[in-house]
């Protein structure tokens, strides 16, 4: 099976488990707060890529109920949960590799841990597409785990289902942002606890300059 398709099937299968684990996780709230604070009073139209069960959407709306949020995810079950968790937002099933089909402009893009499931080529395309659908001075949120592409491979969760996980170097992500007219305004390194240690999660918040 294609590694993307296997990953997509896994996300759909474990949607409820993912919701239970991450719906009320506060670990990244500082980064979401910075994202919200980076928006001007008139920047209210948000596009969320890889919305999962709507956990980030829920937090953003709790901070600012005036936000208009549209979320996409490849897994139908994730979209179903996201809509239940956020009745005022709009969600649809969509492959993040096909953002060229989006015919709207947004004030900001939230992309929480989508890059770890995209190859370098598809990561590059996502940032190029983000440039096209963001208005000038639009805000972009990205999170990923730093590493070399050669480290990428399948990982299995508690259910035994696999996802293909991609590592991206910080230099690569920074270069792609620069190439697509983004200026980094803040970066965070968050310690995510694991069973026997922790891993560093990198969050970048950038602004579109053109």
N, C-alpha and C. Protein backbone atom coordinates (compact mmCIF):
# COMPACT_ATOMS: atom_id res chain seq x y z
N UNK A 1 0.84 -1.20 0.00
CA UNK A 1 0.00 0.00 0.00
C UNK A 1 0.88 1.26 0.00
N UNK A 2 0.45 2.27 -0.71
CA UNK A 2 1.15 3.55 -0.72
C UNK A 2 1.26 4.09 0.70
N UNK A 3 2.44 4.62 1.07
CA UNK A 3 2.64 5.05 2.46
C UNK A 3 1.72 6.19 2.86
N UNK A 4 1.36 7.06 1.92
CA UNK A 4 0.40 8.11 2.23
C UNK A 4 -0.96 7.50 2.55
N UNK A 5 -1.41 6.58 1.71
CA UNK A 5 -2.74 5.99 1.92
C UNK A 5 -2.80 5.23 3.24
N UNK A 6 -1.72 4.51 3.56
CA UNK A 6 -1.72 3.80 4.84
C UNK A 6 -1.79 4.78 6.01
N UNK A 7 -1.06 5.87 5.90
CA UNK A 7 -1.11 6.90 6.94
C UNK A 7 -2.50 7.49 7.06
N UNK A 8 -3.13 7.79 5.92
CA UNK A 8 -4.48 8.37 5.93
C UNK A 8 -5.47 7.41 6.58
N UNK A 9 -5.36 6.13 6.26
CA UNK A 9 -6.27 5.13 6.84
C UNK A 9 -6.08 5.03 8.35
N UNK A 10 -4.82 5.13 8.78
CA UNK A 10 -4.55 5.07 10.21
C UNK A 10 -5.18 6.25 10.93
N UNK A 11 -5.03 7.47 10.38
CA UNK A 11 -5.63 8.65 11.02
C UNK A 11 -7.14 8.50 11.13
N UNK A 12 -7.76 7.96 10.12
CA UNK A 12 -9.21 7.79 10.16
C UNK A 12 -9.59 6.77 11.23
N UNK A 13 -8.80 5.71 11.33
CA UNK A 13 -9.09 4.62 12.28
C UNK A 13 -8.92 5.05 13.73
N UNK A 14 -7.92 5.89 14.00
CA UNK A 14 -7.61 6.24 15.39
C UNK A 14 -8.15 7.62 15.78
N UNK A 15 -9.08 8.16 15.00
CA UNK A 15 -9.58 9.52 15.25
C UNK A 15 -10.08 9.71 16.68
N UNK A 16 -10.84 8.77 17.19
CA UNK A 16 -11.37 8.91 18.55
C UNK A 16 -10.26 8.85 19.60
N UNK A 17 -9.28 7.97 19.38
CA UNK A 17 -8.16 7.89 20.30
C UNK A 17 -7.35 9.19 20.30
N UNK A 18 -7.16 9.75 19.10
CA UNK A 18 -6.43 11.01 18.97
C UNK A 18 -7.18 12.12 19.71
N UNK A 19 -8.49 12.14 19.55
CA UNK A 19 -9.30 13.15 20.24
C UNK A 19 -9.14 13.03 21.75
N UNK A 20 -9.20 11.80 22.26
CA UNK A 20 -9.07 11.59 23.70
C UNK A 20 -7.72 12.09 24.23
N UNK A 21 -6.68 11.93 23.44
CA UNK A 21 -5.33 12.28 23.88
C UNK A 21 -5.02 13.76 23.76
N UNK A 22 -5.52 14.40 22.69
CA UNK A 22 -5.06 15.75 22.38
C UNK A 22 -6.12 16.85 22.51
N UNK A 23 -7.38 16.50 22.73
CA UNK A 23 -8.43 17.52 22.70
C UNK A 23 -8.19 18.62 23.74
N UNK A 24 -7.72 18.25 24.91
CA UNK A 24 -7.53 19.26 25.97
C UNK A 24 -6.07 19.42 26.36
N UNK A 25 -5.16 19.04 25.47
CA UNK A 25 -3.73 19.18 25.76
C UNK A 25 -3.34 20.65 25.76
N UNK A 26 -2.70 21.09 26.84
CA UNK A 26 -2.36 22.51 26.98
C UNK A 26 -0.90 22.81 26.63
N UNK A 27 -0.15 21.79 26.21
CA UNK A 27 1.30 21.92 26.00
C UNK A 27 1.67 23.04 25.02
N UNK A 28 0.84 23.23 23.99
CA UNK A 28 1.17 24.19 22.93
C UNK A 28 0.42 25.51 23.06
N UNK A 29 -0.28 25.71 24.16
CA UNK A 29 -1.14 26.89 24.28
C UNK A 29 -0.37 28.21 24.14
N UNK A 30 0.86 28.24 24.65
CA UNK A 30 1.67 29.45 24.52
C UNK A 30 1.88 29.81 23.05
N UNK A 31 2.06 28.79 22.21
CA UNK A 31 2.29 29.05 20.79
C UNK A 31 1.00 29.48 20.10
N UNK A 32 -0.12 28.91 20.50
CA UNK A 32 -1.41 29.33 19.94
C UNK A 32 -1.73 30.76 20.36
N UNK A 33 -1.38 31.10 21.61
CA UNK A 33 -1.61 32.46 22.09
C UNK A 33 -0.82 33.47 21.26
N UNK A 34 0.44 33.12 20.96
CA UNK A 34 1.26 34.03 20.16
C UNK A 34 0.66 34.19 18.76
N UNK A 35 0.20 33.08 18.18
CA UNK A 35 -0.46 33.13 16.87
C UNK A 35 -1.65 34.08 16.90
N UNK A 36 -2.49 33.95 17.92
CA UNK A 36 -3.66 34.83 18.03
C UNK A 36 -3.25 36.29 18.22
N UNK A 37 -2.24 36.51 19.03
CA UNK A 37 -1.79 37.88 19.30
C UNK A 37 -1.14 38.52 18.07
N UNK A 38 -0.62 37.68 17.15
CA UNK A 38 0.01 38.19 15.93
C UNK A 38 -1.02 38.67 14.91
N UNK A 39 -2.26 38.30 15.12
CA UNK A 39 -3.33 38.72 14.20
C UNK A 39 -3.77 40.13 14.53
N UNK A 40 -4.06 40.91 13.51
CA UNK A 40 -4.64 42.23 13.74
C UNK A 40 -6.13 42.07 14.03
N UNK A 41 -6.74 43.16 14.42
CA UNK A 41 -8.16 43.13 14.76
C UNK A 41 -9.02 42.70 13.57
N UNK A 42 -8.54 42.97 12.36
CA UNK A 42 -9.31 42.66 11.16
C UNK A 42 -8.93 41.32 10.52
N UNK A 43 -7.93 40.65 11.05
CA UNK A 43 -7.52 39.35 10.50
C UNK A 43 -8.29 38.25 11.23
N UNK A 44 -9.42 37.88 10.67
CA UNK A 44 -10.34 36.96 11.34
C UNK A 44 -10.58 35.66 10.58
N UNK A 45 -10.14 35.62 9.33
CA UNK A 45 -10.47 34.48 8.46
C UNK A 45 -9.30 33.49 8.46
N UNK A 46 -9.50 32.36 9.15
CA UNK A 46 -8.42 31.41 9.38
C UNK A 46 -8.66 30.11 8.61
N UNK A 47 -7.59 29.58 8.03
CA UNK A 47 -7.62 28.29 7.33
C UNK A 47 -6.75 27.32 8.11
N UNK A 48 -7.33 26.20 8.54
CA UNK A 48 -6.55 25.22 9.27
C UNK A 48 -6.31 23.98 8.42
N UNK A 49 -5.04 23.63 8.26
CA UNK A 49 -4.62 22.49 7.46
C UNK A 49 -4.32 21.31 8.38
N UNK A 50 -5.00 20.19 8.15
CA UNK A 50 -4.82 19.03 9.02
C UNK A 50 -5.43 19.28 10.39
N UNK A 51 -6.73 19.56 10.41
CA UNK A 51 -7.40 20.02 11.63
C UNK A 51 -7.63 18.93 12.67
N UNK A 52 -7.51 17.66 12.26
CA UNK A 52 -7.76 16.59 13.21
C UNK A 52 -9.17 16.69 13.78
N UNK A 53 -9.35 16.40 15.07
CA UNK A 53 -10.69 16.45 15.68
C UNK A 53 -11.11 17.86 16.10
N UNK A 54 -10.36 18.87 15.66
CA UNK A 54 -10.74 20.26 15.93
C UNK A 54 -10.24 20.78 17.26
N UNK A 55 -9.19 20.17 17.80
CA UNK A 55 -8.68 20.61 19.10
C UNK A 55 -8.07 22.01 19.05
N UNK A 56 -7.32 22.31 17.98
CA UNK A 56 -6.74 23.66 17.88
C UNK A 56 -7.82 24.69 17.58
N UNK A 57 -8.73 24.34 16.68
CA UNK A 57 -9.85 25.23 16.38
C UNK A 57 -10.59 25.62 17.65
N UNK A 58 -10.85 24.63 18.48
CA UNK A 58 -11.59 24.88 19.72
C UNK A 58 -10.86 25.88 20.61
N UNK A 59 -9.53 25.72 20.70
CA UNK A 59 -8.76 26.64 21.53
C UNK A 59 -8.76 28.05 20.93
N UNK A 60 -8.56 28.15 19.62
CA UNK A 60 -8.53 29.47 18.98
C UNK A 60 -9.87 30.19 19.17
N UNK A 61 -10.97 29.47 19.02
CA UNK A 61 -12.29 30.08 19.19
C UNK A 61 -12.54 30.48 20.64
N UNK A 62 -11.95 29.74 21.58
CA UNK A 62 -12.09 30.13 23.00
C UNK A 62 -11.36 31.43 23.28
N UNK A 63 -10.28 31.67 22.51
CA UNK A 63 -9.52 32.91 22.65
C UNK A 63 -10.21 34.07 21.94
N UNK A 64 -10.80 33.78 20.78
CA UNK A 64 -11.45 34.82 19.99
C UNK A 64 -12.64 34.24 19.22
N UNK A 65 -13.83 34.31 19.80
CA UNK A 65 -15.03 33.75 19.17
C UNK A 65 -15.39 34.41 17.83
N UNK A 66 -14.76 35.56 17.53
CA UNK A 66 -15.06 36.26 16.29
C UNK A 66 -14.36 35.65 15.08
N UNK A 67 -13.42 34.74 15.32
CA UNK A 67 -12.69 34.11 14.22
C UNK A 67 -13.63 33.27 13.35
N UNK A 68 -13.38 33.34 12.05
CA UNK A 68 -14.07 32.46 11.10
C UNK A 68 -13.06 31.41 10.66
N UNK A 69 -13.32 30.16 11.00
CA UNK A 69 -12.32 29.12 10.76
C UNK A 69 -12.87 28.06 9.80
N UNK A 70 -12.05 27.77 8.79
CA UNK A 70 -12.33 26.65 7.88
C UNK A 70 -11.21 25.64 8.04
N UNK A 71 -11.56 24.40 8.33
CA UNK A 71 -10.56 23.37 8.55
C UNK A 71 -10.69 22.24 7.54
N UNK A 72 -9.54 21.67 7.19
CA UNK A 72 -9.54 20.51 6.30
C UNK A 72 -8.72 19.38 6.92
N UNK A 73 -9.08 18.16 6.56
CA UNK A 73 -8.33 16.99 6.98
C UNK A 73 -8.63 15.88 5.98
N UNK A 74 -7.70 14.96 5.82
CA UNK A 74 -7.87 13.87 4.87
C UNK A 74 -8.79 12.78 5.43
N UNK A 75 -8.94 12.72 6.74
CA UNK A 75 -9.70 11.65 7.38
C UNK A 75 -11.14 12.07 7.65
N UNK A 76 -12.12 11.40 7.03
CA UNK A 76 -13.53 11.76 7.24
C UNK A 76 -13.93 11.72 8.72
N UNK A 77 -13.41 10.77 9.47
CA UNK A 77 -13.79 10.66 10.89
C UNK A 77 -13.27 11.87 11.66
N UNK A 78 -12.07 12.35 11.33
CA UNK A 78 -11.55 13.55 11.97
C UNK A 78 -12.46 14.75 11.70
N UNK A 79 -12.91 14.88 10.47
CA UNK A 79 -13.79 15.99 10.09
C UNK A 79 -15.12 15.90 10.85
N UNK A 80 -15.62 14.70 10.96
CA UNK A 80 -16.87 14.49 11.71
C UNK A 80 -16.72 14.96 13.16
N UNK A 81 -15.61 14.58 13.80
CA UNK A 81 -15.36 14.99 15.18
C UNK A 81 -15.13 16.49 15.29
N UNK A 82 -14.36 17.04 14.35
CA UNK A 82 -14.08 18.48 14.37
C UNK A 82 -15.37 19.30 14.31
N UNK A 83 -16.30 18.87 13.48
CA UNK A 83 -17.56 19.60 13.34
C UNK A 83 -18.40 19.50 14.61
N UNK A 84 -18.40 18.31 15.22
CA UNK A 84 -19.12 18.13 16.48
C UNK A 84 -18.51 18.99 17.58
N UNK A 85 -17.20 19.09 17.60
CA UNK A 85 -16.52 19.86 18.63
C UNK A 85 -16.57 21.36 18.41
N UNK A 86 -16.84 21.77 17.16
CA UNK A 86 -16.85 23.21 16.80
C UNK A 86 -18.00 23.51 15.85
N UNK A 87 -19.22 23.56 16.37
CA UNK A 87 -20.38 23.77 15.50
C UNK A 87 -20.34 25.06 14.70
N UNK A 88 -19.61 26.07 15.20
CA UNK A 88 -19.60 27.37 14.51
C UNK A 88 -18.57 27.45 13.39
N UNK A 89 -17.67 26.46 13.30
CA UNK A 89 -16.65 26.45 12.26
C UNK A 89 -17.10 25.57 11.10
N UNK A 90 -16.33 25.59 10.01
CA UNK A 90 -16.66 24.79 8.83
C UNK A 90 -15.50 23.87 8.51
N UNK A 91 -15.82 22.63 8.20
CA UNK A 91 -14.79 21.63 7.93
C UNK A 91 -15.15 20.81 6.70
N UNK A 92 -14.11 20.35 5.99
CA UNK A 92 -14.35 19.47 4.87
C UNK A 92 -13.17 18.52 4.66
N UNK A 93 -13.47 17.37 4.10
CA UNK A 93 -12.43 16.39 3.79
C UNK A 93 -11.66 16.88 2.58
N UNK A 94 -10.33 16.98 2.74
CA UNK A 94 -9.49 17.45 1.65
C UNK A 94 -8.06 16.99 1.87
N UNK A 95 -7.39 16.65 0.80
CA UNK A 95 -5.98 16.26 0.83
C UNK A 95 -5.13 17.53 0.84
N UNK A 96 -4.25 17.66 1.83
CA UNK A 96 -3.42 18.86 1.92
C UNK A 96 -2.47 19.01 0.73
N UNK A 97 -2.30 17.94 -0.04
CA UNK A 97 -1.45 18.02 -1.23
C UNK A 97 -2.16 18.66 -2.40
N UNK A 98 -3.43 19.04 -2.21
CA UNK A 98 -4.21 19.62 -3.31
C UNK A 98 -4.74 21.01 -2.97
N UNK A 99 -3.91 21.78 -2.28
CA UNK A 99 -4.36 23.12 -1.88
C UNK A 99 -4.51 24.07 -3.05
N UNK A 100 -4.00 23.69 -4.21
CA UNK A 100 -4.20 24.54 -5.40
C UNK A 100 -5.68 24.61 -5.77
N UNK A 101 -6.49 23.70 -5.21
CA UNK A 101 -7.92 23.70 -5.49
C UNK A 101 -8.68 24.69 -4.60
N UNK A 102 -8.00 25.27 -3.63
CA UNK A 102 -8.64 26.25 -2.74
C UNK A 102 -8.74 27.58 -3.47
N UNK A 103 -9.96 28.09 -3.58
CA UNK A 103 -10.19 29.33 -4.35
C UNK A 103 -10.56 30.50 -3.44
N UNK A 104 -10.04 30.50 -2.24
CA UNK A 104 -10.31 31.57 -1.29
C UNK A 104 -8.99 32.17 -0.81
N UNK A 105 -9.10 33.35 -0.22
CA UNK A 105 -7.95 33.99 0.41
C UNK A 105 -8.20 34.06 1.92
N UNK A 106 -7.14 33.88 2.69
CA UNK A 106 -7.27 33.85 4.15
C UNK A 106 -6.31 34.84 4.79
N UNK A 107 -6.63 35.20 6.04
CA UNK A 107 -5.79 36.11 6.81
C UNK A 107 -4.69 35.36 7.56
N UNK A 108 -4.91 34.08 7.80
CA UNK A 108 -3.93 33.29 8.54
C UNK A 108 -4.13 31.80 8.24
N UNK A 109 -3.06 31.05 8.40
CA UNK A 109 -3.10 29.61 8.23
C UNK A 109 -2.52 28.94 9.47
N UNK A 110 -3.28 28.01 10.01
CA UNK A 110 -2.82 27.18 11.12
C UNK A 110 -2.49 25.80 10.55
N UNK A 111 -1.25 25.36 10.74
CA UNK A 111 -0.81 24.07 10.21
C UNK A 111 -0.07 23.32 11.32
N UNK A 112 -0.82 22.70 12.20
CA UNK A 112 -0.25 22.02 13.34
C UNK A 112 0.11 20.57 13.04
N UNK A 113 1.39 20.29 13.01
CA UNK A 113 1.92 18.94 12.81
C UNK A 113 1.34 18.24 11.58
N UNK A 114 1.33 18.97 10.49
CA UNK A 114 1.01 18.39 9.19
C UNK A 114 2.30 18.03 8.45
N UNK A 115 3.32 18.87 8.60
CA UNK A 115 4.59 18.64 7.90
C UNK A 115 5.21 17.27 8.19
N UNK A 116 5.06 16.71 9.41
CA UNK A 116 5.64 15.39 9.66
C UNK A 116 5.04 14.26 8.82
N UNK A 117 3.98 14.55 8.11
CA UNK A 117 3.36 13.51 7.29
C UNK A 117 3.42 13.87 5.80
N UNK A 118 4.33 14.81 5.49
CA UNK A 118 4.54 15.21 4.10
C UNK A 118 6.02 15.08 3.74
N UNK A 119 6.30 14.60 2.54
CA UNK A 119 7.66 14.53 2.04
C UNK A 119 8.22 15.94 1.84
N UNK A 120 9.52 16.03 1.57
CA UNK A 120 10.12 17.34 1.31
C UNK A 120 9.43 18.03 0.14
N UNK A 121 9.18 17.27 -0.92
CA UNK A 121 8.54 17.86 -2.11
C UNK A 121 7.15 18.37 -1.78
N UNK A 122 6.38 17.59 -1.02
CA UNK A 122 5.02 18.00 -0.69
C UNK A 122 5.01 19.11 0.35
N UNK A 123 6.02 19.13 1.21
CA UNK A 123 6.17 20.24 2.15
C UNK A 123 6.44 21.54 1.39
N UNK A 124 7.31 21.47 0.40
CA UNK A 124 7.61 22.64 -0.43
C UNK A 124 6.35 23.14 -1.13
N UNK A 125 5.56 22.19 -1.66
CA UNK A 125 4.34 22.57 -2.37
C UNK A 125 3.34 23.21 -1.41
N UNK A 126 3.23 22.67 -0.20
CA UNK A 126 2.30 23.24 0.76
C UNK A 126 2.64 24.70 1.06
N UNK A 127 3.92 25.00 1.25
CA UNK A 127 4.31 26.38 1.55
C UNK A 127 4.14 27.30 0.35
N UNK A 128 4.33 26.75 -0.84
CA UNK A 128 4.07 27.53 -2.04
C UNK A 128 2.58 27.82 -2.18
N UNK A 129 1.75 26.83 -1.89
CA UNK A 129 0.30 27.02 -1.93
C UNK A 129 -0.16 27.99 -0.85
N UNK A 130 0.47 27.90 0.33
CA UNK A 130 0.12 28.80 1.43
C UNK A 130 0.37 30.25 1.04
N UNK A 131 1.47 30.48 0.34
CA UNK A 131 1.79 31.82 -0.16
C UNK A 131 0.67 32.36 -1.05
N UNK A 132 0.11 31.47 -1.85
CA UNK A 132 -0.92 31.88 -2.82
C UNK A 132 -2.27 32.16 -2.19
N UNK A 133 -2.59 31.46 -1.09
CA UNK A 133 -3.93 31.63 -0.51
C UNK A 133 -3.94 32.56 0.71
N UNK A 134 -2.76 33.04 1.10
CA UNK A 134 -2.69 34.00 2.20
C UNK A 134 -2.67 35.42 1.67
N UNK A 135 -3.38 36.30 2.33
CA UNK A 135 -3.29 37.72 2.02
C UNK A 135 -1.96 38.28 2.53
N UNK A 136 -1.56 39.43 1.98
CA UNK A 136 -0.34 40.09 2.44
C UNK A 136 -0.43 40.34 3.94
N UNK A 137 0.69 40.13 4.64
CA UNK A 137 0.79 40.24 6.09
C UNK A 137 0.04 39.12 6.82
N UNK A 138 -0.39 38.10 6.06
CA UNK A 138 -1.03 36.95 6.67
C UNK A 138 -0.06 36.19 7.57
N UNK A 139 -0.61 35.53 8.57
CA UNK A 139 0.19 34.82 9.57
C UNK A 139 0.12 33.31 9.32
N UNK A 140 1.28 32.67 9.41
CA UNK A 140 1.38 31.22 9.18
C UNK A 140 1.98 30.54 10.41
N UNK A 141 1.32 29.48 10.88
CA UNK A 141 1.79 28.67 12.01
C UNK A 141 2.18 27.30 11.49
N UNK A 142 3.40 26.88 11.77
CA UNK A 142 3.90 25.57 11.37
C UNK A 142 4.50 24.85 12.56
N UNK A 143 4.26 23.55 12.67
CA UNK A 143 4.96 22.76 13.68
C UNK A 143 5.46 21.46 13.07
N UNK A 144 6.62 21.02 13.53
CA UNK A 144 7.25 19.81 12.99
C UNK A 144 8.32 19.35 13.96
N UNK A 145 8.96 18.23 13.66
CA UNK A 145 10.05 17.71 14.48
C UNK A 145 11.31 17.71 13.62
N UNK A 146 12.31 18.42 14.12
CA UNK A 146 13.54 18.55 13.35
C UNK A 146 14.27 17.21 13.23
N UNK A 147 14.89 17.01 12.07
CA UNK A 147 15.68 15.82 11.84
C UNK A 147 16.07 15.76 10.38
N UNK A 148 16.86 14.78 10.03
CA UNK A 148 17.26 14.60 8.64
C UNK A 148 16.26 13.71 7.91
N UNK A 149 16.00 14.01 6.66
CA UNK A 149 15.05 13.19 5.88
C UNK A 149 15.38 11.70 5.90
N UNK A 150 16.66 11.37 6.02
CA UNK A 150 17.06 9.96 6.04
C UNK A 150 16.54 9.22 7.27
N UNK A 151 16.13 9.97 8.30
CA UNK A 151 15.56 9.36 9.50
C UNK A 151 14.10 8.98 9.33
N UNK A 152 13.47 9.46 8.28
CA UNK A 152 12.02 9.26 8.07
C UNK A 152 11.70 7.78 7.91
N UNK A 153 10.51 7.39 8.35
CA UNK A 153 10.10 6.01 8.22
C UNK A 153 8.80 5.74 8.95
N UNK A 154 8.38 4.50 8.94
CA UNK A 154 7.13 4.12 9.60
C UNK A 154 7.28 4.13 11.12
N UNK A 155 6.23 4.60 11.78
CA UNK A 155 6.15 4.47 13.23
C UNK A 155 4.79 3.85 13.55
N UNK A 156 4.76 3.07 14.62
CA UNK A 156 3.52 2.39 15.02
C UNK A 156 3.06 2.92 16.36
N UNK A 157 1.75 3.09 16.50
CA UNK A 157 1.18 3.54 17.76
C UNK A 157 0.73 2.37 18.62
N UNK A 158 -0.02 2.68 19.67
CA UNK A 158 -0.45 1.65 20.61
C UNK A 158 -1.40 0.63 19.98
N UNK A 159 -2.06 1.03 18.89
CA UNK A 159 -2.99 0.11 18.23
C UNK A 159 -2.27 -0.82 17.25
N UNK A 160 -0.99 -0.50 16.97
CA UNK A 160 -0.25 -1.29 15.99
C UNK A 160 -0.38 -0.74 14.58
N UNK A 161 -1.22 0.26 14.40
CA UNK A 161 -1.40 0.86 13.08
C UNK A 161 -0.23 1.80 12.79
N UNK A 162 0.18 1.87 11.52
CA UNK A 162 1.38 2.61 11.15
C UNK A 162 1.07 3.93 10.46
N UNK A 163 1.95 4.88 10.68
CA UNK A 163 1.98 6.10 9.87
C UNK A 163 3.41 6.29 9.40
N UNK A 164 3.56 6.94 8.25
CA UNK A 164 4.91 7.24 7.75
C UNK A 164 5.25 8.64 8.21
N UNK A 165 6.34 8.75 8.96
CA UNK A 165 6.71 10.00 9.62
C UNK A 165 7.94 10.60 8.95
N UNK A 166 7.80 11.86 8.54
CA UNK A 166 8.90 12.57 7.86
C UNK A 166 9.56 13.57 8.81
N UNK A 167 10.88 13.54 8.85
CA UNK A 167 11.65 14.57 9.55
C UNK A 167 12.12 15.61 8.54
N UNK A 168 12.13 16.87 8.97
CA UNK A 168 12.61 17.96 8.12
C UNK A 168 13.63 18.77 8.89
N UNK A 169 14.70 19.17 8.22
CA UNK A 169 15.70 20.00 8.88
C UNK A 169 15.17 21.42 9.02
N UNK A 170 15.62 22.10 10.07
CA UNK A 170 15.21 23.48 10.30
C UNK A 170 15.66 24.36 9.13
N UNK A 171 16.84 24.10 8.62
CA UNK A 171 17.37 24.88 7.49
C UNK A 171 16.46 24.75 6.27
N UNK A 172 16.00 23.52 6.01
CA UNK A 172 15.11 23.29 4.87
C UNK A 172 13.82 24.09 5.03
N UNK A 173 13.20 24.01 6.20
CA UNK A 173 11.93 24.72 6.42
C UNK A 173 12.14 26.23 6.31
N UNK A 174 13.21 26.73 6.90
CA UNK A 174 13.49 28.17 6.83
C UNK A 174 13.69 28.62 5.38
N UNK A 175 14.43 27.84 4.62
CA UNK A 175 14.68 28.19 3.22
C UNK A 175 13.40 28.19 2.41
N UNK A 176 12.51 27.23 2.68
CA UNK A 176 11.25 27.18 1.95
C UNK A 176 10.36 28.37 2.31
N UNK A 177 10.39 28.77 3.56
CA UNK A 177 9.62 29.94 3.98
C UNK A 177 10.12 31.20 3.27
N UNK A 178 11.43 31.38 3.27
CA UNK A 178 12.04 32.54 2.62
C UNK A 178 11.70 32.56 1.13
N UNK A 179 11.82 31.42 0.50
CA UNK A 179 11.55 31.27 -0.93
C UNK A 179 10.12 31.67 -1.27
N UNK A 180 9.20 31.44 -0.32
CA UNK A 180 7.78 31.70 -0.57
C UNK A 180 7.27 32.95 0.14
N UNK A 181 8.17 33.90 0.34
CA UNK A 181 7.83 35.24 0.83
C UNK A 181 7.33 35.28 2.27
N UNK A 182 7.92 34.44 3.13
CA UNK A 182 7.57 34.47 4.55
C UNK A 182 8.77 34.92 5.39
N UNK A 183 8.47 35.70 6.42
CA UNK A 183 9.49 36.14 7.38
C UNK A 183 9.13 35.54 8.74
N UNK A 184 10.06 34.85 9.36
CA UNK A 184 9.81 34.25 10.66
C UNK A 184 9.76 35.35 11.72
N UNK A 185 8.67 35.34 12.50
CA UNK A 185 8.54 36.35 13.56
C UNK A 185 8.72 35.75 14.95
N UNK A 186 8.60 34.42 15.06
CA UNK A 186 8.80 33.78 16.37
C UNK A 186 8.98 32.27 16.16
N UNK A 187 9.83 31.67 16.97
CA UNK A 187 9.96 30.22 16.95
C UNK A 187 9.99 29.71 18.39
N UNK A 188 9.49 28.51 18.56
CA UNK A 188 9.42 27.89 19.88
C UNK A 188 10.02 26.49 19.79
N UNK A 189 10.57 26.02 20.91
CA UNK A 189 10.96 24.62 21.06
C UNK A 189 10.22 24.08 22.28
N UNK A 190 9.31 23.16 22.03
CA UNK A 190 8.47 22.61 23.09
C UNK A 190 8.92 21.19 23.41
N UNK A 191 9.11 20.91 24.69
CA UNK A 191 9.49 19.56 25.12
C UNK A 191 8.23 18.70 25.24
N UNK A 192 8.14 17.70 24.35
CA UNK A 192 6.99 16.80 24.37
C UNK A 192 7.38 15.52 25.12
N UNK A 193 6.69 15.21 26.24
CA UNK A 193 7.09 14.05 27.04
C UNK A 193 6.80 12.72 26.33
N UNK A 194 7.78 11.84 26.37
CA UNK A 194 7.64 10.48 25.87
C UNK A 194 7.71 9.52 27.04
N UNK A 195 7.55 8.22 26.77
CA UNK A 195 7.53 7.23 27.83
C UNK A 195 8.80 7.25 28.67
N UNK A 196 9.96 7.37 28.01
CA UNK A 196 11.22 7.29 28.72
C UNK A 196 12.08 8.55 28.62
N UNK A 197 11.61 9.54 27.86
CA UNK A 197 12.37 10.79 27.74
C UNK A 197 11.44 11.87 27.16
N UNK A 198 11.96 12.73 26.32
CA UNK A 198 11.12 13.72 25.65
C UNK A 198 11.73 14.02 24.29
N UNK A 199 10.92 14.60 23.40
CA UNK A 199 11.43 15.05 22.11
C UNK A 199 11.08 16.52 21.92
N UNK A 200 11.87 17.18 21.11
CA UNK A 200 11.67 18.61 20.88
C UNK A 200 10.76 18.83 19.68
N UNK A 201 9.70 19.56 19.89
CA UNK A 201 8.79 19.95 18.82
C UNK A 201 9.05 21.41 18.46
N UNK A 202 9.28 21.67 17.20
CA UNK A 202 9.61 23.02 16.74
C UNK A 202 8.37 23.68 16.15
N UNK A 203 8.11 24.88 16.61
CA UNK A 203 6.97 25.67 16.11
C UNK A 203 7.52 26.97 15.54
N UNK A 204 7.11 27.29 14.33
CA UNK A 204 7.50 28.54 13.67
C UNK A 204 6.24 29.33 13.34
N UNK A 205 6.27 30.60 13.67
CA UNK A 205 5.20 31.51 13.28
C UNK A 205 5.82 32.57 12.37
N UNK A 206 5.24 32.70 11.18
CA UNK A 206 5.81 33.57 10.15
C UNK A 206 4.74 34.49 9.59
N UNK A 207 5.21 35.53 8.92
CA UNK A 207 4.29 36.48 8.29
C UNK A 207 4.61 36.61 6.81
N UNK A 208 3.58 36.66 6.01
CA UNK A 208 3.77 36.83 4.56
C UNK A 208 4.16 38.27 4.26
N UNK A 209 5.23 38.44 3.50
CA UNK A 209 5.77 39.79 3.31
C UNK A 209 5.34 40.43 2.00
N UNK A 210 4.76 39.66 1.09
CA UNK A 210 4.34 40.25 -0.21
C UNK A 210 2.89 39.93 -0.50
